[in-house]
Amino acid sequence: MELVTPDIGLIFWMTLSFALLMAILKKFAWKPILQGLKDREESIKESLSSAEKARDEMAALKSDNEKLLDEARLERDEIIKEALATANSIKDEAKADSSKISGKMLEDAKTLINSEKQAALAEIKEQVASLSMEIAERLMRRNLSDDKSQRELVDQFIKDVNTN
C-alpha cells in the first residue's frame, strides 16, 4: 500500500529531485535544444525562401526561354521565306536567261541557216547558169550548123521578144 499512499518524505525528495533535474536541464539542456530548434527553424525558412526564389527564377527563365524560342522560330521562318524568295527569283532569272540564250541561239542558227541557204542557192544558180550555158552552147552548135536552123532560131527569138 505504500505505492498507493506515498509518504511525505518520498514526495519531498521526489519533488526536490524533480526540481533539481529541471534546473540542471534548464541550465544545460533547454537552451541548446531551443537554440538548435530555432536554428533549424531559421534554416528551414531560409531553404523555403530560397526554394521560392529559385522557383520564381525558374519560371522567369522558362518564360524567357519560351520567348527566345518563339523569336528563334519567327526568325527561322523569316529566313526560310527569304531563302525561298531568293531561290524563286534566281530560278526565274535563270529561266529568263536561258530563254534569252536559247532565243539568241535559235536566231543565230536561223541566220546561219539562211546565209548557208542563200550561199547554196547562189552556188546552185551559178552551176545552173553554167550548165545552161554549156547546154545552150552545145545545142547551138548542133542546131546552128546549117543556115535554115539559124533563121528559125532568130525568128523564134523575135517572136518571143514581141510577145513579152
N, C-alpha and C. Protein backbone atom coordinates (compact mmCIF):
# COMPACT_ATOMS: atom_id res chain seq x y z
N MET A 1 0.78 -1.18 0.00
CA MET A 1 0.00 0.00 0.00
C MET A 1 0.84 1.27 0.00
N GLU A 2 2.02 1.10 0.13
CA GLU A 2 2.90 2.25 0.14
C GLU A 2 2.92 2.98 -1.20
N LEU A 3 2.74 2.24 -2.24
CA LEU A 3 2.79 2.88 -3.55
C LEU A 3 1.53 3.68 -3.79
N VAL A 4 0.47 3.26 -3.24
CA VAL A 4 -0.78 3.96 -3.45
C VAL A 4 -0.82 5.22 -2.58
N THR A 5 -0.37 5.16 -1.39
CA THR A 5 -0.33 6.32 -0.50
C THR A 5 1.13 6.59 -0.16
N PRO A 6 1.75 7.46 -0.88
CA PRO A 6 3.17 7.71 -0.65
C PRO A 6 3.40 8.50 0.63
N ASP A 7 4.54 8.36 1.11
CA ASP A 7 4.97 9.01 2.33
C ASP A 7 5.36 10.45 1.99
N ILE A 8 5.27 11.36 2.97
CA ILE A 8 5.59 12.77 2.78
C ILE A 8 7.05 12.92 2.43
N GLY A 9 7.92 12.20 3.01
CA GLY A 9 9.35 12.28 2.73
C GLY A 9 9.63 11.90 1.28
N LEU A 10 8.95 10.86 0.81
CA LEU A 10 9.12 10.44 -0.56
C LEU A 10 8.66 11.55 -1.51
N ILE A 11 7.55 12.17 -1.19
CA ILE A 11 7.03 13.25 -2.03
C ILE A 11 8.02 14.41 -2.02
N PHE A 12 8.58 14.73 -0.85
CA PHE A 12 9.53 15.83 -0.75
C PHE A 12 10.76 15.54 -1.60
N TRP A 13 11.34 14.35 -1.38
CA TRP A 13 12.56 14.01 -2.14
C TRP A 13 12.28 13.87 -3.63
N MET A 14 11.17 13.43 -4.00
CA MET A 14 10.82 13.33 -5.42
C MET A 14 10.66 14.72 -6.02
N THR A 15 9.99 15.62 -5.28
CA THR A 15 9.81 16.98 -5.77
C THR A 15 11.15 17.67 -5.84
N LEU A 16 12.01 17.47 -4.81
CA LEU A 16 13.32 18.10 -4.81
C LEU A 16 14.18 17.56 -5.96
N SER A 17 14.17 16.28 -6.18
CA SER A 17 14.97 15.72 -7.28
C SER A 17 14.40 16.16 -8.63
N PHE A 18 13.08 16.29 -8.74
CA PHE A 18 12.48 16.76 -9.99
C PHE A 18 12.86 18.21 -10.25
N ALA A 19 12.83 19.06 -9.17
CA ALA A 19 13.19 20.46 -9.32
C ALA A 19 14.66 20.58 -9.68
N LEU A 20 15.51 19.76 -9.06
CA LEU A 20 16.94 19.78 -9.36
C LEU A 20 17.17 19.33 -10.81
N LEU A 21 16.49 18.29 -11.21
CA LEU A 21 16.61 17.81 -12.59
C LEU A 21 16.15 18.89 -13.56
N MET A 22 15.08 19.59 -13.25
CA MET A 22 14.58 20.67 -14.10
C MET A 22 15.58 21.82 -14.16
N ALA A 23 16.21 22.15 -13.05
CA ALA A 23 17.20 23.24 -13.03
C ALA A 23 18.41 22.85 -13.86
N ILE A 24 18.87 21.61 -13.71
CA ILE A 24 20.03 21.15 -14.50
C ILE A 24 19.67 21.13 -15.98
N LEU A 25 18.49 20.61 -16.30
CA LEU A 25 18.06 20.58 -17.70
C LEU A 25 17.92 22.00 -18.26
N LYS A 26 17.37 22.93 -17.44
CA LYS A 26 17.19 24.30 -17.90
C LYS A 26 18.53 24.93 -18.16
N LYS A 27 19.49 24.69 -17.30
CA LYS A 27 20.80 25.33 -17.42
C LYS A 27 21.59 24.74 -18.58
N PHE A 28 21.59 23.42 -18.67
CA PHE A 28 22.48 22.80 -19.65
C PHE A 28 21.77 22.25 -20.90
N ALA A 29 20.51 21.87 -20.87
CA ALA A 29 19.90 21.19 -22.00
C ALA A 29 18.88 22.04 -22.74
N TRP A 30 18.03 22.79 -22.03
CA TRP A 30 16.96 23.51 -22.71
C TRP A 30 17.47 24.58 -23.64
N LYS A 31 18.43 25.34 -23.22
CA LYS A 31 18.94 26.41 -24.08
C LYS A 31 19.54 25.85 -25.37
N PRO A 32 20.43 24.86 -25.29
CA PRO A 32 20.96 24.32 -26.55
C PRO A 32 19.88 23.67 -27.41
N ILE A 33 18.93 22.97 -26.78
CA ILE A 33 17.85 22.33 -27.55
C ILE A 33 16.99 23.39 -28.22
N LEU A 34 16.60 24.43 -27.47
CA LEU A 34 15.79 25.51 -28.04
C LEU A 34 16.57 26.26 -29.12
N GLN A 35 17.88 26.49 -28.85
CA GLN A 35 18.71 27.17 -29.85
C GLN A 35 18.80 26.31 -31.12
N GLY A 36 18.97 25.03 -30.97
CA GLY A 36 19.02 24.11 -32.12
C GLY A 36 17.71 24.13 -32.90
N LEU A 37 16.60 24.14 -32.16
CA LEU A 37 15.29 24.20 -32.82
C LEU A 37 15.12 25.52 -33.57
N LYS A 38 15.57 26.63 -32.93
CA LYS A 38 15.49 27.94 -33.59
C LYS A 38 16.35 27.97 -34.85
N ASP A 39 17.57 27.44 -34.71
CA ASP A 39 18.47 27.40 -35.87
C ASP A 39 17.86 26.57 -37.00
N ARG A 40 17.30 25.45 -36.60
CA ARG A 40 16.70 24.59 -37.62
C ARG A 40 15.51 25.28 -38.27
N GLU A 41 14.70 25.97 -37.46
CA GLU A 41 13.56 26.70 -38.00
C GLU A 41 14.01 27.78 -38.97
N GLU A 42 15.08 28.49 -38.60
CA GLU A 42 15.63 29.53 -39.48
C GLU A 42 16.15 28.92 -40.78
N SER A 43 16.88 27.81 -40.65
CA SER A 43 17.42 27.20 -41.87
C SER A 43 16.30 26.69 -42.76
N ILE A 44 15.22 26.17 -42.13
CA ILE A 44 14.07 25.72 -42.93
C ILE A 44 13.42 26.91 -43.62
N LYS A 45 13.26 28.02 -42.90
CA LYS A 45 12.68 29.23 -43.51
C LYS A 45 13.54 29.72 -44.66
N GLU A 46 14.86 29.74 -44.44
CA GLU A 46 15.78 30.18 -45.50
C GLU A 46 15.70 29.23 -46.70
N SER A 47 15.65 27.95 -46.43
CA SER A 47 15.55 26.97 -47.52
C SER A 47 14.25 27.16 -48.30
N LEU A 48 13.17 27.39 -47.55
CA LEU A 48 11.89 27.61 -48.23
C LEU A 48 11.91 28.89 -49.06
N SER A 49 12.50 29.96 -48.49
CA SER A 49 12.55 31.22 -49.25
C SER A 49 13.46 31.08 -50.47
N SER A 50 14.61 30.38 -50.32
CA SER A 50 15.47 30.20 -51.48
C SER A 50 14.82 29.27 -52.50
N ALA A 51 14.06 28.29 -52.05
CA ALA A 51 13.33 27.43 -52.99
C ALA A 51 12.28 28.25 -53.73
N GLU A 52 11.62 29.14 -53.01
CA GLU A 52 10.63 30.02 -53.64
C GLU A 52 11.29 30.93 -54.67
N LYS A 53 12.43 31.50 -54.28
CA LYS A 53 13.17 32.36 -55.22
C LYS A 53 13.62 31.55 -56.43
N ALA A 54 14.13 30.37 -56.19
CA ALA A 54 14.59 29.52 -57.30
C ALA A 54 13.43 29.16 -58.22
N ARG A 55 12.27 28.88 -57.61
CA ARG A 55 11.10 28.57 -58.42
C ARG A 55 10.68 29.77 -59.26
N ASP A 56 10.69 30.96 -58.62
CA ASP A 56 10.37 32.18 -59.37
C ASP A 56 11.37 32.42 -60.49
N GLU A 57 12.66 32.22 -60.18
CA GLU A 57 13.69 32.41 -61.20
C GLU A 57 13.53 31.39 -62.33
N MET A 58 13.20 30.15 -61.96
CA MET A 58 12.98 29.12 -62.99
C MET A 58 11.79 29.48 -63.87
N ALA A 59 10.72 30.01 -63.23
CA ALA A 59 9.55 30.41 -64.02
C ALA A 59 9.93 31.55 -64.95
N ALA A 60 10.72 32.51 -64.44
CA ALA A 60 11.16 33.63 -65.28
C ALA A 60 12.06 33.13 -66.40
N LEU A 61 12.97 32.23 -66.08
CA LEU A 61 13.85 31.67 -67.11
C LEU A 61 13.06 30.88 -68.15
N LYS A 62 12.06 30.16 -67.67
CA LYS A 62 11.24 29.38 -68.60
C LYS A 62 10.49 30.30 -69.55
N SER A 63 9.92 31.39 -69.01
CA SER A 63 9.21 32.32 -69.89
C SER A 63 10.19 33.00 -70.84
N ASP A 64 11.39 33.34 -70.34
CA ASP A 64 12.42 33.92 -71.22
C ASP A 64 12.82 32.94 -72.31
N ASN A 65 12.98 31.68 -71.93
CA ASN A 65 13.34 30.66 -72.92
C ASN A 65 12.25 30.50 -73.96
N GLU A 66 10.99 30.52 -73.51
CA GLU A 66 9.88 30.41 -74.46
C GLU A 66 9.87 31.60 -75.40
N LYS A 67 10.12 32.81 -74.86
CA LYS A 67 10.19 33.99 -75.71
C LYS A 67 11.32 33.86 -76.72
N LEU A 68 12.48 33.41 -76.25
CA LEU A 68 13.62 33.23 -77.16
C LEU A 68 13.32 32.18 -78.22
N LEU A 69 12.66 31.11 -77.81
CA LEU A 69 12.29 30.08 -78.78
C LEU A 69 11.31 30.61 -79.81
N ASP A 70 10.33 31.39 -79.34
CA ASP A 70 9.36 31.99 -80.27
C ASP A 70 10.07 32.93 -81.24
N GLU A 71 10.98 33.76 -80.70
CA GLU A 71 11.73 34.67 -81.57
C GLU A 71 12.59 33.89 -82.56
N ALA A 72 13.20 32.81 -82.08
CA ALA A 72 14.04 31.99 -82.97
C ALA A 72 13.19 31.34 -84.05
N ARG A 73 12.01 30.88 -83.68
CA ARG A 73 11.11 30.29 -84.68
C ARG A 73 10.69 31.32 -85.71
N LEU A 74 10.33 32.52 -85.24
CA LEU A 74 9.95 33.58 -86.17
C LEU A 74 11.11 33.93 -87.10
N GLU A 75 12.29 34.03 -86.53
CA GLU A 75 13.47 34.35 -87.33
C GLU A 75 13.75 33.24 -88.34
N ARG A 76 13.62 31.99 -87.88
CA ARG A 76 13.82 30.85 -88.78
C ARG A 76 12.81 30.89 -89.92
N ASP A 77 11.53 31.17 -89.59
CA ASP A 77 10.50 31.25 -90.63
C ASP A 77 10.81 32.37 -91.61
N GLU A 78 11.26 33.50 -91.09
CA GLU A 78 11.61 34.63 -91.95
C GLU A 78 12.78 34.28 -92.87
N ILE A 79 13.79 33.62 -92.30
CA ILE A 79 14.95 33.23 -93.10
C ILE A 79 14.53 32.24 -94.19
N ILE A 80 13.65 31.31 -93.84
CA ILE A 80 13.18 30.34 -94.82
C ILE A 80 12.40 31.05 -95.92
N LYS A 81 11.54 32.01 -95.54
CA LYS A 81 10.78 32.76 -96.54
C LYS A 81 11.73 33.52 -97.47
N GLU A 82 12.73 34.17 -96.88
CA GLU A 82 13.70 34.91 -97.69
C GLU A 82 14.46 33.97 -98.61
N ALA A 83 14.85 32.82 -98.08
CA ALA A 83 15.59 31.85 -98.90
C ALA A 83 14.74 31.35 -100.06
N LEU A 84 13.46 31.07 -99.77
CA LEU A 84 12.56 30.62 -100.84
C LEU A 84 12.36 31.71 -101.88
N ALA A 85 12.19 32.95 -101.40
CA ALA A 85 12.02 34.06 -102.34
C ALA A 85 13.27 34.23 -103.20
N THR A 86 14.44 34.15 -102.57
CA THR A 86 15.69 34.27 -103.31
C THR A 86 15.84 33.12 -104.31
N ALA A 87 15.52 31.92 -103.86
CA ALA A 87 15.62 30.76 -104.76
C ALA A 87 14.67 30.91 -105.94
N ASN A 88 13.44 31.38 -105.67
CA ASN A 88 12.49 31.57 -106.75
C ASN A 88 12.95 32.66 -107.72
N SER A 89 13.50 33.75 -107.18
CA SER A 89 13.97 34.81 -108.07
C SER A 89 15.16 34.33 -108.90
N ILE A 90 16.07 33.57 -108.27
CA ILE A 90 17.20 33.02 -109.01
C ILE A 90 16.71 32.06 -110.09
N LYS A 91 15.72 31.27 -109.73
CA LYS A 91 15.15 30.32 -110.69
C LYS A 91 14.50 31.06 -111.85
N ASP A 92 13.73 32.12 -111.54
CA ASP A 92 13.09 32.90 -112.59
C ASP A 92 14.12 33.59 -113.47
N GLU A 93 15.17 34.13 -112.84
CA GLU A 93 16.23 34.77 -113.62
C GLU A 93 16.92 33.76 -114.52
N ALA A 94 17.16 32.57 -113.98
CA ALA A 94 17.81 31.52 -114.78
C ALA A 94 16.94 31.12 -115.95
N LYS A 95 15.61 31.03 -115.70
CA LYS A 95 14.70 30.71 -116.80
C LYS A 95 14.73 31.81 -117.86
N ALA A 96 14.67 33.06 -117.39
CA ALA A 96 14.68 34.18 -118.34
C ALA A 96 16.00 34.19 -119.13
N ASP A 97 17.11 33.99 -118.42
CA ASP A 97 18.41 33.97 -119.09
C ASP A 97 18.49 32.83 -120.09
N SER A 98 18.01 31.66 -119.67
CA SER A 98 18.06 30.52 -120.60
C SER A 98 17.15 30.75 -121.79
N SER A 99 15.99 31.40 -121.56
CA SER A 99 15.11 31.73 -122.68
C SER A 99 15.79 32.69 -123.63
N LYS A 100 16.45 33.72 -123.06
CA LYS A 100 17.16 34.68 -123.91
C LYS A 100 18.28 34.00 -124.69
N ILE A 101 19.04 33.17 -123.98
CA ILE A 101 20.17 32.49 -124.62
C ILE A 101 19.67 31.55 -125.70
N SER A 102 18.61 30.78 -125.38
CA SER A 102 18.10 29.84 -126.38
C SER A 102 17.50 30.60 -127.55
N GLY A 103 16.82 31.72 -127.28
CA GLY A 103 16.28 32.55 -128.36
C GLY A 103 17.38 33.10 -129.25
N LYS A 104 18.45 33.56 -128.61
CA LYS A 104 19.58 34.10 -129.37
C LYS A 104 20.24 33.00 -130.18
N MET A 105 20.40 31.82 -129.55
CA MET A 105 20.99 30.71 -130.28
C MET A 105 20.11 30.31 -131.46
N LEU A 106 18.80 30.33 -131.25
CA LEU A 106 17.86 29.99 -132.32
C LEU A 106 17.95 31.00 -133.45
N GLU A 107 17.99 32.29 -133.08
CA GLU A 107 18.12 33.34 -134.10
C GLU A 107 19.44 33.21 -134.85
N ASP A 108 20.52 32.95 -134.09
CA ASP A 108 21.82 32.76 -134.75
C ASP A 108 21.79 31.56 -135.68
N ALA A 109 21.14 30.49 -135.23
CA ALA A 109 21.05 29.30 -136.07
C ALA A 109 20.23 29.59 -137.33
N LYS A 110 19.11 30.34 -137.15
CA LYS A 110 18.28 30.70 -138.31
C LYS A 110 19.07 31.57 -139.28
N THR A 111 19.80 32.53 -138.71
CA THR A 111 20.60 33.42 -139.56
C THR A 111 21.66 32.61 -140.31
N LEU A 112 22.32 31.72 -139.60
CA LEU A 112 23.34 30.89 -140.22
C LEU A 112 22.73 30.00 -141.30
N ILE A 113 21.56 29.42 -140.98
CA ILE A 113 20.89 28.56 -141.97
C ILE A 113 20.51 29.36 -143.19
N ASN A 114 19.96 30.58 -142.97
CA ASN A 114 19.57 31.42 -144.11
C ASN A 114 20.77 31.81 -144.95
N SER A 115 21.86 32.17 -144.27
CA SER A 115 23.05 32.55 -145.04
C SER A 115 23.60 31.36 -145.80
N GLU A 116 23.60 30.19 -145.16
CA GLU A 116 24.05 28.98 -145.86
C GLU A 116 23.11 28.65 -147.01
N LYS A 117 21.82 28.86 -146.77
CA LYS A 117 20.82 28.60 -147.82
C LYS A 117 21.04 29.54 -148.99
N GLN A 118 21.26 30.82 -148.70
CA GLN A 118 21.50 31.80 -149.76
C GLN A 118 22.77 31.46 -150.52
N ALA A 119 23.79 31.05 -149.76
CA ALA A 119 25.05 30.69 -150.41
C ALA A 119 24.84 29.46 -151.29
N ALA A 120 24.09 28.48 -150.78
CA ALA A 120 23.82 27.27 -151.57
C ALA A 120 23.00 27.60 -152.80
N LEU A 121 21.97 28.48 -152.62
CA LEU A 121 21.16 28.88 -153.77
C LEU A 121 22.00 29.62 -154.80
N ALA A 122 22.87 30.49 -154.32
CA ALA A 122 23.72 31.22 -155.25
C ALA A 122 24.64 30.26 -156.00
N GLU A 123 25.17 29.29 -155.29
CA GLU A 123 26.05 28.32 -155.93
C GLU A 123 25.27 27.47 -156.94
N ILE A 124 24.03 27.08 -156.53
CA ILE A 124 23.19 26.30 -157.45
C ILE A 124 22.86 27.12 -158.68
N LYS A 125 22.51 28.42 -158.48
CA LYS A 125 22.21 29.29 -159.62
C LYS A 125 23.40 29.39 -160.55
N GLU A 126 24.55 29.51 -159.92
CA GLU A 126 25.77 29.62 -160.71
C GLU A 126 26.01 28.35 -161.51
N GLN A 127 25.81 27.22 -160.85
CA GLN A 127 26.00 25.95 -161.54
C GLN A 127 24.94 25.76 -162.63
N VAL A 128 23.68 26.13 -162.29
CA VAL A 128 22.60 26.01 -163.29
C VAL A 128 22.91 26.90 -164.48
N ALA A 129 23.37 28.12 -164.19
CA ALA A 129 23.71 29.04 -165.29
C ALA A 129 24.84 28.47 -166.12
N SER A 130 25.84 27.95 -165.44
CA SER A 130 26.98 27.37 -166.15
C SER A 130 26.54 26.18 -167.00
N LEU A 131 25.71 25.30 -166.36
CA LEU A 131 25.22 24.15 -167.12
C LEU A 131 24.32 24.59 -168.27
N SER A 132 23.49 25.58 -168.00
CA SER A 132 22.60 26.09 -169.05
C SER A 132 23.40 26.63 -170.21
N MET A 133 24.48 27.34 -169.86
CA MET A 133 25.33 27.90 -170.92
C MET A 133 25.98 26.77 -171.74
N GLU A 134 26.43 25.76 -171.04
CA GLU A 134 27.05 24.64 -171.76
C GLU A 134 26.05 23.94 -172.65
N ILE A 135 24.86 23.71 -172.07
CA ILE A 135 23.82 23.04 -172.85
C ILE A 135 23.43 23.89 -174.05
N ALA A 136 23.25 25.20 -173.78
CA ALA A 136 22.87 26.09 -174.88
C ALA A 136 23.95 26.11 -175.94
N GLU A 137 25.17 26.15 -175.49
CA GLU A 137 26.29 26.18 -176.44
C GLU A 137 26.29 24.91 -177.29
N ARG A 138 26.11 23.77 -176.67
CA ARG A 138 26.12 22.51 -177.40
C ARG A 138 24.93 22.43 -178.36
N LEU A 139 23.76 22.89 -177.84
CA LEU A 139 22.58 22.87 -178.71
C LEU A 139 22.76 23.79 -179.89
N MET A 140 23.35 24.92 -179.62
CA MET A 140 23.52 25.89 -180.70
C MET A 140 24.52 25.37 -181.73
N ARG A 141 25.53 24.70 -181.26
CA ARG A 141 26.49 24.15 -182.21
C ARG A 141 25.81 23.13 -183.11
N ARG A 142 24.96 22.33 -182.49
CA ARG A 142 24.28 21.33 -183.29
C ARG A 142 23.24 21.96 -184.20
N ASN A 143 22.41 22.79 -183.60
CA ASN A 143 21.28 23.34 -184.33
C ASN A 143 21.70 24.43 -185.31
N LEU A 144 22.72 25.12 -185.01
CA LEU A 144 23.09 26.24 -185.88
C LEU A 144 24.14 25.84 -186.91
N SER A 145 24.30 24.63 -187.09
CA SER A 145 25.30 24.21 -188.07
C SER A 145 24.81 24.46 -189.49
N ASP A 146 23.54 24.57 -189.67
CA ASP A 146 23.06 24.93 -191.01
C ASP A 146 22.33 26.26 -190.97
N ASP A 147 22.14 26.89 -192.14
CA ASP A 147 21.55 28.22 -192.24
C ASP A 147 20.07 28.20 -191.92
N LYS A 148 19.41 27.19 -192.30
CA LYS A 148 17.98 27.11 -192.09
C LYS A 148 17.66 27.11 -190.61
N SER A 149 18.32 26.34 -189.81
CA SER A 149 18.05 26.29 -188.39
C SER A 149 18.42 27.60 -187.72
N GLN A 150 19.42 28.33 -188.25
CA GLN A 150 19.79 29.63 -187.68
C GLN A 150 18.67 30.63 -187.91
N ARG A 151 18.08 30.60 -189.07
CA ARG A 151 16.99 31.52 -189.38
C ARG A 151 15.77 31.20 -188.51
N GLU A 152 15.47 29.97 -188.33
CA GLU A 152 14.33 29.59 -187.50
C GLU A 152 14.54 30.06 -186.05
N LEU A 153 15.74 29.94 -185.56
CA LEU A 153 16.05 30.38 -184.21
C LEU A 153 15.90 31.88 -184.08
N VAL A 154 16.38 32.63 -185.00
CA VAL A 154 16.27 34.10 -184.97
C VAL A 154 14.82 34.49 -185.02
N ASP A 155 14.03 33.84 -185.88
CA ASP A 155 12.60 34.16 -185.99
C ASP A 155 11.90 33.86 -184.65
N GLN A 156 12.27 32.77 -184.07
CA GLN A 156 11.67 32.41 -182.77
C GLN A 156 12.01 33.45 -181.70
N PHE A 157 13.28 33.91 -181.65
CA PHE A 157 13.66 34.97 -180.69
C PHE A 157 12.89 36.24 -180.91
N ILE A 158 12.65 36.58 -182.14
CA ILE A 158 11.93 37.82 -182.48
C ILE A 158 10.49 37.68 -182.00
N LYS A 159 9.88 36.55 -182.24
CA LYS A 159 8.52 36.34 -181.76
C LYS A 159 8.43 36.43 -180.25
N ASP A 160 9.40 35.82 -179.58
CA ASP A 160 9.40 35.86 -178.11
C ASP A 160 9.57 37.28 -177.59
N VAL A 161 10.41 38.07 -178.23
CA VAL A 161 10.65 39.43 -177.82
C VAL A 161 9.41 40.26 -178.04
N ASN A 162 8.69 40.07 -179.11
CA ASN A 162 7.49 40.83 -179.43
C ASN A 162 6.35 40.48 -178.46
N THR A 163 6.24 39.26 -178.05
CA THR A 163 5.15 38.87 -177.15
C THR A 163 5.39 39.32 -175.72
N ASN A 164 6.64 39.48 -175.33
CA ASN A 164 6.94 39.91 -173.97
C ASN A 164 6.78 41.38 -173.90
